[in-house]
């Protein structure tokens, strides 16, 4: 014999779990966006992907 209430309860629990996971992902993304904007405020006009790279000829590799 099947209990429709039990099936419904499992579906509700799964739905709530997915909702909590989604909220956690949103919070994480919000923190990452905030940290990226903080870096840009510290160094305005500088691309964070190439920050600290020195243009021009590179030194020869060290002899081992």
C-alpha atoms as a PDB file:
ATOM      1  CA  UNK A   1       0.000   0.000   0.000  1.00  0.00           C
ATOM      2  CA  UNK A   2       1.316   3.461  -0.909  1.00  0.00           C
ATOM      3  CA  UNK A   3       1.091   6.509   1.323  1.00  0.00           C
ATOM      4  CA  UNK A   4       0.584   9.655  -0.759  1.00  0.00           C
ATOM      5  CA  UNK A   5       1.400  11.841   2.248  1.00  0.00           C
ATOM      6  CA  UNK A   6       4.855  10.308   2.566  1.00  0.00           C
ATOM      7  CA  UNK A   7       5.577  10.872  -1.117  1.00  0.00           C
ATOM      8  CA  UNK A   8       4.452  14.468  -0.847  1.00  0.00           C
ATOM      9  CA  UNK A   9       6.622  14.994   2.224  1.00  0.00           C
ATOM     10  CA  UNK A  10       9.724  13.624   0.434  1.00  0.00           C
ATOM     11  CA  UNK A  11       9.077  15.957  -2.499  1.00  0.00           C
ATOM     12  CA  UNK A  12       8.682  18.920  -0.156  1.00  0.00           C
ATOM     13  CA  UNK A  13      11.946  18.085   1.625  1.00  0.00           C
ATOM     14  CA  UNK A  14      13.790  17.764  -1.693  1.00  0.00           C
ATOM     15  CA  UNK A  15      12.351  21.086  -2.848  1.00  0.00           C
ATOM     16  CA  UNK A  16      13.467  22.778   0.381  1.00  0.00           C
ATOM     17  CA  UNK A  17      16.966  21.290   0.041  1.00  0.00           C
ATOM     18  CA  UNK A  18      17.285  22.629  -3.509  1.00  0.00           C
ATOM     19  CA  UNK A  19      16.077  26.044  -2.350  1.00  0.00           C
ATOM     20  CA  UNK A  20      18.695  26.170   0.445  1.00  0.00           C
ATOM     21  CA  UNK A  21      21.461  25.110  -1.963  1.00  0.00           C
ATOM     22  CA  UNK A  22      20.395  27.777  -4.425  1.00  0.00           C
ATOM     23  CA  UNK A  23      20.412  30.450  -1.726  1.00  0.00           C
ATOM     24  CA  UNK A  24      23.898  29.363  -0.639  1.00  0.00           C
ATOM     25  CA  UNK A  25      25.169  29.603  -4.242  1.00  0.00           C
ATOM     26  CA  UNK A  26      23.656  33.081  -4.547  1.00  0.00           C
ATOM     27  CA  UNK A  27      25.356  34.219  -1.333  1.00  0.00           C
ATOM     28  CA  UNK A  28      28.698  32.825  -2.524  1.00  0.00           C
ATOM     29  CA  UNK A  29      28.369  34.602  -5.876  1.00  0.00           C
ATOM     30  CA  UNK A  30      27.452  37.826  -4.083  1.00  0.00           C
ATOM     31  CA  UNK A  31      30.586  37.585  -1.913  1.00  0.00           C
ATOM     32  CA  UNK A  32      32.768  36.910  -4.972  1.00  0.00           C
ATOM     33  CA  UNK A  33      31.328  39.904  -6.821  1.00  0.00           C
ATOM     34  CA  UNK A  34      31.910  42.054  -3.733  1.00  0.00           C
ATOM     35  CA  UNK A  35      35.544  40.959  -3.430  1.00  0.00           C
ATOM     36  CA  UNK A  36      36.180  41.662  -7.125  1.00  0.00           C
ATOM     37  CA  UNK A  37      34.694  45.137  -6.808  1.00  0.00           C
ATOM     38  CA  UNK A  38      36.849  45.762  -3.711  1.00  0.00           C
ATOM     39  CA  UNK A  39      39.972  44.898  -5.729  1.00  0.00           C
ATOM     40  CA  UNK A  40      38.950  47.292  -8.489  1.00  0.00           C
ATOM     41  CA  UNK A  41      38.426  50.065  -5.931  1.00  0.00           C
ATOM     42  CA  UNK A  42      41.958  49.530  -4.612  1.00  0.00           C
ATOM     43  CA  UNK A  43      43.511  49.676  -8.090  1.00  0.00           C
ATOM     44  CA  UNK A  44      41.205  51.691 -10.343  1.00  0.00           C
ATOM     45  CA  UNK A  45      41.918  51.340 -14.042  1.00  0.00           C
ATOM     46  CA  UNK A  46      43.992  48.183 -13.578  1.00  0.00           C
ATOM     47  CA  UNK A  47      42.799  44.892 -15.037  1.00  0.00           C
ATOM     48  CA  UNK A  48      42.894  42.304 -12.229  1.00  0.00           C
ATOM     49  CA  UNK A  49      43.769  39.548 -14.716  1.00  0.00           C
ATOM     50  CA  UNK A  50      47.073  41.187 -15.632  1.00  0.00           C
ATOM     51  CA  UNK A  51      47.842  42.997 -12.382  1.00  0.00           C
ATOM     52  CA  UNK A  52      51.516  42.890 -11.507  1.00  0.00           C
ATOM     53  CA  UNK A  53      52.762  41.831 -14.939  1.00  0.00           C
ATOM     54  CA  UNK A  54      55.756  43.846 -16.114  1.00  0.00           C
ATOM     55  CA  UNK A  55      55.749  44.663 -19.841  1.00  0.00           C
ATOM     56  CA  UNK A  56      58.877  44.349 -21.926  1.00  0.00           C
ATOM     57  CA  UNK A  57      61.576  41.728 -22.325  1.00  0.00           C
ATOM     58  CA  UNK A  58      61.548  38.993 -19.747  1.00  0.00           C
ATOM     59  CA  UNK A  59      64.694  37.883 -17.915  1.00  0.00           C
ATOM     60  CA  UNK A  60      66.375  34.723 -19.256  1.00  0.00           C
ATOM     61  CA  UNK A  61      65.478  31.509 -17.455  1.00  0.00           C
ATOM     62  CA  UNK A  62      67.849  30.618 -14.638  1.00  0.00           C
ATOM     63  CA  UNK A  63      70.502  28.023 -15.466  1.00  0.00           C
ATOM     64  CA  UNK A  64      70.048  24.870 -13.449  1.00  0.00           C
END
